[in-house]
Amino acid sequence: MFDLAILGLLDETDLHGYELRKRLGDLPGMGLAVSFGSLYPALGRLEKAGHVKAVTSRPAAPAPTAPMSGSLVGELAAFRAQLRQASTAVRGSRGKKVYGITDSGRKRLHELLVDPDVADDRSFALRVAFCRNLSPAERLELFERRRTELVRRRDQRRNPARADGRVNTYLRSLVERDTAAIAADLAWLDRLIAEERATVPAAGAGADTDTGGNP
C-alpha cells in the first residue's frame, strides 16, 4: 500500500521528502500520519529497485552581485546582505532530495492498480485515488471486482447469532452499522460502474446487469 501511495503521488509530480510526507498524510486510505522513519527507507528501497530516481529540480541560489550605488559604504553593506541571503537559501535547500518516478515505477504502479485482490479497504481507496492511470475497461473491472467482494461481505453479515443460537443485540447493532456502510459503498460503486460502462459499451454489454444492490 505504501509503494502504491508513493508511486501514485510521484507520477503526478516530482517531490522532495517533506512534500511527499505531507501529501501522503492527506491521501484517503492512509489513515495515520507518515513518519520520516518509514518514508525514507521506502524511498530508498524503491530507488534501489529502479522505480524512483533522484531528479534535479531545485535551482541553485544565484551568486550575489554588488550593486553600483556610487557609495562604497552602501555598496559593501548591500553586498554583505546579499551574501547572508544567499547563504540562508543554500542552507534551506540542503536535505531536500527531490524524487521522481521512472518508467519502471510507472509499470509497477500499473501492476498495483490492476491487482485482482480488492479485499483491503485502505488500499482500494488508494487505487481509486489513482485509477485515472487505468483505461476505462481496467477501471470497470476494478470496480466490479470490488462490488463482488462487498456483496460477499454483506451476505456474510446477515442474521448474526451467538454460539448458543440467541441473537446478541449489540452484535446485531454493529452488523447493522456495517451493513449500512456496505450498502452505501455499493450504491457509490454502482454509480462508478454505470459511468465506466457508458465509456466501454462493449464491456458493459456482456457484463452482469444486476448492479442495483438488491438484497
C-alpha atoms as a PDB file:
ATOM      1  CA  MET A   1       0.000   0.000   0.000  1.00  0.00           C
ATOM      2  CA  PHE A   2       2.861   2.360   0.849  1.00  0.00           C
ATOM      3  CA  ASP A   3       4.506   1.766  -2.521  1.00  0.00           C
ATOM      4  CA  LEU A   4       1.216   2.458  -4.291  1.00  0.00           C
ATOM      5  CA  ALA A   5       0.792   5.774  -2.478  1.00  0.00           C
ATOM      6  CA  ILE A   6       4.364   6.935  -3.137  1.00  0.00           C
ATOM      7  CA  LEU A   7       4.384   5.946  -6.794  1.00  0.00           C
ATOM      8  CA  GLY A   8       0.943   7.422  -7.380  1.00  0.00           C
ATOM      9  CA  LEU A   9       1.976  10.803  -5.995  1.00  0.00           C
ATOM     10  CA  LEU A  10       5.324  10.875  -7.803  1.00  0.00           C
ATOM     11  CA  ASP A  11       3.545  10.038 -11.049  1.00  0.00           C
ATOM     12  CA  GLU A  12       1.743  13.375 -10.659  1.00  0.00           C
ATOM     13  CA  THR A  13       4.816  15.486  -9.890  1.00  0.00           C
ATOM     14  CA  ASP A  14       8.387  15.329  -8.560  1.00  0.00           C
ATOM     15  CA  LEU A  15       8.515  15.806  -4.779  1.00  0.00           C
ATOM     16  CA  HIS A  16      11.075  16.059  -2.001  1.00  0.00           C
ATOM     17  CA  GLY A  17      10.617  14.147   1.223  1.00  0.00           C
ATOM     18  CA  TYR A  18       8.821  16.876   3.176  1.00  0.00           C
ATOM     19  CA  GLU A  19       6.300  17.488   0.400  1.00  0.00           C
ATOM     20  CA  LEU A  20       5.776  13.779  -0.132  1.00  0.00           C
ATOM     21  CA  ARG A  21       5.192  13.129   3.575  1.00  0.00           C
ATOM     22  CA  LYS A  22       2.540  15.851   3.749  1.00  0.00           C
ATOM     23  CA  ARG A  23       0.704  14.617   0.654  1.00  0.00           C
ATOM     24  CA  LEU A  24       0.805  11.036   1.878  1.00  0.00           C
ATOM     25  CA  GLY A  25      -0.897  12.098   5.087  1.00  0.00           C
ATOM     26  CA  ASP A  26      -3.687  13.726   3.084  1.00  0.00           C
ATOM     27  CA  LEU A  27      -4.428  10.673   0.951  1.00  0.00           C
ATOM     28  CA  PRO A  28      -7.633   8.678   1.553  1.00  0.00           C
ATOM     29  CA  GLY A  29      -6.827   5.247   2.888  1.00  0.00           C
ATOM     30  CA  MET A  30      -3.552   6.116   4.615  1.00  0.00           C
ATOM     31  CA  GLY A  31      -5.277   6.779   7.907  1.00  0.00           C
ATOM     32  CA  LEU A  32      -2.202   7.559  10.010  1.00  0.00           C
ATOM     33  CA  ALA A  33       0.493  10.211   9.883  1.00  0.00           C
ATOM     34  CA  VAL A  34       3.516   9.082   7.895  1.00  0.00           C
ATOM     35  CA  SER A  35       6.861   9.306   9.675  1.00  0.00           C
ATOM     36  CA  PHE A  36      10.184  10.040   8.022  1.00  0.00           C
ATOM     37  CA  GLY A  37      11.416   6.853   9.668  1.00  0.00           C
ATOM     38  CA  SER A  38       9.113   4.835   7.410  1.00  0.00           C
ATOM     39  CA  LEU A  39       9.118   7.124   4.365  1.00  0.00           C
ATOM     40  CA  TYR A  40      12.845   7.343   3.620  1.00  0.00           C
ATOM     41  CA  PRO A  41      13.528   3.587   3.876  1.00  0.00           C
ATOM     42  CA  ALA A  42      10.620   3.030   1.480  1.00  0.00           C
ATOM     43  CA  LEU A  43      12.012   5.622  -0.926  1.00  0.00           C
ATOM     44  CA  GLY A  44      15.456   4.037  -0.683  1.00  0.00           C
ATOM     45  CA  ARG A  45      14.003   0.616  -1.462  1.00  0.00           C
ATOM     46  CA  LEU A  46      12.024   1.958  -4.436  1.00  0.00           C
ATOM     47  CA  GLU A  47      15.104   3.807  -5.675  1.00  0.00           C
ATOM     48  CA  LYS A  48      17.213   0.647  -5.413  1.00  0.00           C
ATOM     49  CA  ALA A  49      14.549  -1.241  -7.381  1.00  0.00           C
ATOM     50  CA  GLY A  50      14.688   1.425 -10.089  1.00  0.00           C
ATOM     51  CA  HIS A  51      11.118   2.613  -9.535  1.00  0.00           C
ATOM     52  CA  VAL A  52      12.060   6.126  -8.383  1.00  0.00           C
ATOM     53  CA  LYS A  53      15.087   8.315  -9.014  1.00  0.00           C
ATOM     54  CA  ALA A  54      16.685  11.482  -7.728  1.00  0.00           C
ATOM     55  CA  VAL A  55      15.923  14.393 -10.026  1.00  0.00           C
ATOM     56  CA  THR A  56      17.316  17.919 -10.215  1.00  0.00           C
ATOM     57  CA  SER A  57      14.541  20.460  -9.950  1.00  0.00           C
ATOM     58  CA  ARG A  58      15.760  22.805  -7.217  1.00  0.00           C
ATOM     59  CA  PRO A  59      17.717  25.672  -8.827  1.00  0.00           C
ATOM     60  CA  ALA A  60      20.921  26.753  -7.128  1.00  0.00           C
ATOM     61  CA  ALA A  61      20.926  30.056  -5.320  1.00  0.00           C
ATOM     62  CA  PRO A  62      22.139  32.843  -7.650  1.00  0.00           C
ATOM     63  CA  ALA A  63      25.573  34.282  -6.935  1.00  0.00           C
ATOM     64  CA  PRO A  64      25.325  37.659  -5.230  1.00  0.00           C
ATOM     65  CA  THR A  65      26.379  40.721  -7.174  1.00  0.00           C
ATOM     66  CA  ALA A  66      27.424  44.041  -5.708  1.00  0.00           C
ATOM     67  CA  PRO A  67      25.051  46.899  -6.595  1.00  0.00           C
ATOM     68  CA  MET A  68      26.505  50.063  -8.090  1.00  0.00           C
ATOM     69  CA  SER A  69      25.214  52.863  -5.903  1.00  0.00           C
ATOM     70  CA  GLY A  70      28.198  55.190  -6.083  1.00  0.00           C
ATOM     71  CA  SER A  71      28.735  54.889  -2.319  1.00  0.00           C
ATOM     72  CA  LEU A  72      31.433  52.469  -1.222  1.00  0.00           C
ATOM     73  CA  VAL A  73      29.944  52.046   2.273  1.00  0.00           C
ATOM     74  CA  GLY A  74      26.454  51.486   0.872  1.00  0.00           C
ATOM     75  CA  GLU A  75      27.668  49.009  -1.726  1.00  0.00           C
ATOM     76  CA  LEU A  76      29.555  46.961   0.880  1.00  0.00           C
ATOM     77  CA  ALA A  77      26.548  46.862   3.210  1.00  0.00           C
ATOM     78  CA  ALA A  78      24.217  45.754   0.415  1.00  0.00           C
ATOM     79  CA  PHE A  79      26.718  43.148  -0.770  1.00  0.00           C
ATOM     80  CA  ARG A  80      27.008  41.656   2.743  1.00  0.00           C
ATOM     81  CA  ALA A  81      23.208  41.488   2.969  1.00  0.00           C
ATOM     82  CA  GLN A  82      23.058  39.587  -0.322  1.00  0.00           C
ATOM     83  CA  LEU A  83      25.712  37.176   0.910  1.00  0.00           C
ATOM     84  CA  ARG A  84      23.645  36.444   4.030  1.00  0.00           C
ATOM     85  CA  GLN A  85      20.504  35.839   1.935  1.00  0.00           C
ATOM     86  CA  ALA A  86      22.361  33.508  -0.427  1.00  0.00           C
ATOM     87  CA  SER A  87      23.820  31.556   2.500  1.00  0.00           C
ATOM     88  CA  THR A  88      20.362  31.164   4.059  1.00  0.00           C
ATOM     89  CA  ALA A  89      18.924  29.958   0.747  1.00  0.00           C
ATOM     90  CA  VAL A  90      21.655  27.343   0.380  1.00  0.00           C
ATOM     91  CA  ARG A  91      21.149  26.052   3.938  1.00  0.00           C
ATOM     92  CA  GLY A  92      17.391  25.925   3.412  1.00  0.00           C
ATOM     93  CA  SER A  93      17.759  23.780   0.302  1.00  0.00           C
ATOM     94  CA  ARG A  94      20.001  21.188   1.914  1.00  0.00           C
ATOM     95  CA  GLY A  95      18.490  17.778   2.623  1.00  0.00           C
ATOM     96  CA  LYS A  96      15.730  18.224   0.059  1.00  0.00           C
ATOM     97  CA  LYS A  97      16.485  15.371  -2.288  1.00  0.00           C
ATOM     98  CA  VAL A  98      13.846  15.508  -4.983  1.00  0.00           C
ATOM     99  CA  TYR A  99      12.333  12.234  -6.162  1.00  0.00           C
ATOM    100  CA  GLY A 100      10.678  11.398  -9.453  1.00  0.00           C
ATOM    101  CA  ILE A 101       9.102   8.260 -10.885  1.00  0.00           C
ATOM    102  CA  THR A 102      10.801   6.154 -13.582  1.00  0.00           C
ATOM    103  CA  ASP A 103       9.294   4.154 -16.439  1.00  0.00           C
ATOM    104  CA  SER A 104       9.816   1.058 -14.295  1.00  0.00           C
ATOM    105  CA  GLY A 105       7.967   2.818 -11.478  1.00  0.00           C
ATOM    106  CA  ARG A 106       5.020   3.580 -13.745  1.00  0.00           C
ATOM    107  CA  LYS A 107       4.881  -0.064 -14.748  1.00  0.00           C
ATOM    108  CA  ARG A 108       4.912  -1.094 -11.083  1.00  0.00           C
ATOM    109  CA  LEU A 109       2.188   1.453 -10.311  1.00  0.00           C
ATOM    110  CA  HIS A 110       0.020  -0.058 -13.028  1.00  0.00           C
ATOM    111  CA  GLU A 111       0.595  -3.567 -11.621  1.00  0.00           C
ATOM    112  CA  LEU A 112      -0.524  -2.436  -8.174  1.00  0.00           C
ATOM    113  CA  LEU A 113      -3.623  -0.717  -9.557  1.00  0.00           C
ATOM    114  CA  VAL A 114      -4.824  -3.768 -11.505  1.00  0.00           C
ATOM    115  CA  ASP A 115      -4.087  -6.303  -8.742  1.00  0.00           C
ATOM    116  CA  PRO A 116      -7.121  -8.648  -8.659  1.00  0.00           C
ATOM    117  CA  ASP A 117      -7.173  -8.700  -4.841  1.00  0.00           C
ATOM    118  CA  VAL A 118      -9.644  -5.979  -3.808  1.00  0.00           C
ATOM    119  CA  ALA A 119     -10.327  -7.100  -0.220  1.00  0.00           C
ATOM    120  CA  ASP A 120      -8.198  -4.495   1.561  1.00  0.00           C
ATOM    121  CA  ASP A 121     -10.285  -1.381   2.247  1.00  0.00           C
ATOM    122  CA  ARG A 122      -7.411   1.084   2.603  1.00  0.00           C
ATOM    123  CA  SER A 123      -5.516   0.002  -0.486  1.00  0.00           C
ATOM    124  CA  PHE A 124      -8.724   0.047  -2.536  1.00  0.00           C
ATOM    125  CA  ALA A 125      -9.315   3.691  -1.578  1.00  0.00           C
ATOM    126  CA  LEU A 126      -5.798   4.493  -2.810  1.00  0.00           C
ATOM    127  CA  ARG A 127      -6.384   2.586  -6.021  1.00  0.00           C
ATOM    128  CA  VAL A 128      -9.478   4.660  -6.702  1.00  0.00           C
ATOM    129  CA  ALA A 129      -7.498   7.841  -5.977  1.00  0.00           C
ATOM    130  CA  PHE A 130      -5.004   6.951  -8.723  1.00  0.00           C
ATOM    131  CA  CYS A 131      -7.224   4.977 -11.106  1.00  0.00           C
ATOM    132  CA  ARG A 132      -7.066   7.755 -13.689  1.00  0.00           C
ATOM    133  CA  ASN A 133      -3.895   5.921 -14.728  1.00  0.00           C
ATOM    134  CA  LEU A 134      -6.030   2.975 -15.868  1.00  0.00           C
ATOM    135  CA  SER A 135      -8.021   2.535 -19.048  1.00  0.00           C
ATOM    136  CA  PRO A 136     -11.848   2.671 -18.776  1.00  0.00           C
ATOM    137  CA  ALA A 137     -12.005  -1.121 -19.183  1.00  0.00           C
ATOM    138  CA  GLU A 138      -9.470  -1.627 -16.369  1.00  0.00           C
ATOM    139  CA  ARG A 139     -11.343   0.750 -14.080  1.00  0.00           C
ATOM    140  CA  LEU A 140     -14.583  -1.084 -14.806  1.00  0.00           C
ATOM    141  CA  GLU A 141     -13.005  -4.411 -13.883  1.00  0.00           C
ATOM    142  CA  LEU A 142     -11.597  -2.927 -10.663  1.00  0.00           C
ATOM    143  CA  PHE A 143     -14.974  -1.531  -9.582  1.00  0.00           C
ATOM    144  CA  GLU A 144     -16.857  -4.713 -10.461  1.00  0.00           C
ATOM    145  CA  ARG A 145     -14.394  -6.897  -8.548  1.00  0.00           C
ATOM    146  CA  ARG A 146     -14.802  -4.656  -5.519  1.00  0.00           C
ATOM    147  CA  ARG A 147     -18.585  -4.807  -5.813  1.00  0.00           C
ATOM    148  CA  THR A 148     -18.473  -8.598  -5.813  1.00  0.00           C
ATOM    149  CA  GLU A 149     -16.327  -8.508  -2.674  1.00  0.00           C
ATOM    150  CA  LEU A 150     -18.758  -6.171  -0.887  1.00  0.00           C
ATOM    151  CA  VAL A 151     -21.784  -8.292  -1.819  1.00  0.00           C
ATOM    152  CA  ARG A 152     -19.985 -11.291  -0.309  1.00  0.00           C
ATOM    153  CA  ARG A 153     -19.370  -9.362   2.903  1.00  0.00           C
ATOM    154  CA  ARG A 154     -22.966  -8.173   3.053  1.00  0.00           C
ATOM    155  CA  ASP A 155     -24.294 -11.707   2.739  1.00  0.00           C
ATOM    156  CA  GLN A 156     -21.969 -12.957   5.485  1.00  0.00           C
ATOM    157  CA  ARG A 157     -23.222 -10.327   7.919  1.00  0.00           C
ATOM    158  CA  ARG A 158     -26.871 -11.304   7.795  1.00  0.00           C
ATOM    159  CA  ASN A 159     -28.624 -12.883  10.792  1.00  0.00           C
ATOM    160  CA  PRO A 160     -25.796 -12.721  13.360  1.00  0.00           C
ATOM    161  CA  ALA A 161     -26.236 -15.046  16.339  1.00  0.00           C
ATOM    162  CA  ARG A 162     -24.261 -16.269  19.317  1.00  0.00           C
ATOM    163  CA  ALA A 163     -22.934 -19.776  19.519  1.00  0.00           C
ATOM    164  CA  ASP A 164     -25.915 -20.811  21.674  1.00  0.00           C
ATOM    165  CA  GLY A 165     -28.307 -19.599  18.985  1.00  0.00           C
ATOM    166  CA  ARG A 166     -29.520 -16.476  20.781  1.00  0.00           C
ATOM    167  CA  VAL A 167     -29.169 -13.173  18.986  1.00  0.00           C
ATOM    168  CA  ASN A 168     -26.688 -10.789  20.586  1.00  0.00           C
ATOM    169  CA  THR A 169     -28.396  -7.380  20.490  1.00  0.00           C
ATOM    170  CA  TYR A 170     -25.189  -5.374  20.491  1.00  0.00           C
ATOM    171  CA  LEU A 171     -23.515  -7.598  17.938  1.00  0.00           C
ATOM    172  CA  ARG A 172     -26.557  -7.198  15.753  1.00  0.00           C
ATOM    173  CA  SER A 173     -26.350  -3.403  16.066  1.00  0.00           C
ATOM    174  CA  LEU A 174     -22.726  -3.499  14.909  1.00  0.00           C
ATOM    175  CA  VAL A 175     -23.623  -5.737  11.991  1.00  0.00           C
ATOM    176  CA  GLU A 176     -26.447  -3.379  11.043  1.00  0.00           C
ATOM    177  CA  ARG A 177     -23.976  -0.486  11.072  1.00  0.00           C
ATOM    178  CA  ASP A 178     -21.536  -2.402   8.872  1.00  0.00           C
ATOM    179  CA  THR A 179     -24.342  -3.477   6.552  1.00  0.00           C
ATOM    180  CA  ALA A 180     -25.464   0.129   6.123  1.00  0.00           C
ATOM    181  CA  ALA A 181     -21.889   1.156   5.309  1.00  0.00           C
ATOM    182  CA  ILE A 182     -21.622  -1.639   2.753  1.00  0.00           C
ATOM    183  CA  ALA A 183     -24.925  -0.593   1.194  1.00  0.00           C
ATOM    184  CA  ALA A 184     -23.631   2.979   0.847  1.00  0.00           C
ATOM    185  CA  ASP A 185     -20.400   1.732  -0.763  1.00  0.00           C
ATOM    186  CA  LEU A 186     -22.375  -0.470  -3.149  1.00  0.00           C
ATOM    187  CA  ALA A 187     -24.504   2.479  -4.230  1.00  0.00           C
ATOM    188  CA  TRP A 188     -21.336   4.514  -4.817  1.00  0.00           C
ATOM    189  CA  LEU A 189     -19.745   1.703  -6.810  1.00  0.00           C
ATOM    190  CA  ASP A 190     -22.914   1.290  -8.871  1.00  0.00           C
ATOM    191  CA  ARG A 191     -22.607   4.919  -9.958  1.00  0.00           C
ATOM    192  CA  LEU A 192     -18.936   4.464 -10.871  1.00  0.00           C
ATOM    193  CA  ILE A 193     -19.705   1.270 -12.770  1.00  0.00           C
ATOM    194  CA  ALA A 194     -22.527   2.936 -14.692  1.00  0.00           C
ATOM    195  CA  GLU A 195     -20.226   5.800 -15.693  1.00  0.00           C
ATOM    196  CA  GLU A 196     -17.459   3.453 -16.844  1.00  0.00           C
ATOM    197  CA  ARG A 197     -19.870   1.216 -18.750  1.00  0.00           C
ATOM    198  CA  ALA A 198     -21.050   4.268 -20.642  1.00  0.00           C
ATOM    199  CA  THR A 199     -17.486   4.710 -21.937  1.00  0.00           C
ATOM    200  CA  VAL A 200     -16.905   0.980 -22.513  1.00  0.00           C
ATOM    201  CA  PRO A 201     -20.119  -0.226 -24.212  1.00  0.00           C
ATOM    202  CA  ALA A 202     -18.598  -3.487 -25.381  1.00  0.00           C
ATOM    203  CA  ALA A 203     -17.592  -4.438 -21.854  1.00  0.00           C
ATOM    204  CA  GLY A 204     -20.917  -3.286 -20.457  1.00  0.00           C
ATOM    205  CA  ALA A 205     -22.942  -5.305 -22.973  1.00  0.00           C
ATOM    206  CA  GLY A 206     -21.689  -8.650 -21.712  1.00  0.00           C
ATOM    207  CA  ALA A 207     -21.446  -7.765 -18.040  1.00  0.00           C
ATOM    208  CA  ASP A 208     -23.835  -8.679 -15.263  1.00  0.00           C
ATOM    209  CA  THR A 209     -26.700  -6.204 -15.315  1.00  0.00           C
ATOM    210  CA  ASP A 210     -27.591  -6.624 -11.631  1.00  0.00           C
ATOM    211  CA  THR A 211     -25.855  -3.537 -10.207  1.00  0.00           C
ATOM    212  CA  GLY A 212     -28.746  -2.258  -8.149  1.00  0.00           C
ATOM    213  CA  GLY A 213     -27.542  -3.635  -4.830  1.00  0.00           C
ATOM    214  CA  ASN A 214     -30.653  -5.852  -4.490  1.00  0.00           C
ATOM    215  CA  PRO A 215     -30.692  -7.971  -1.371  1.00  0.00           C
END
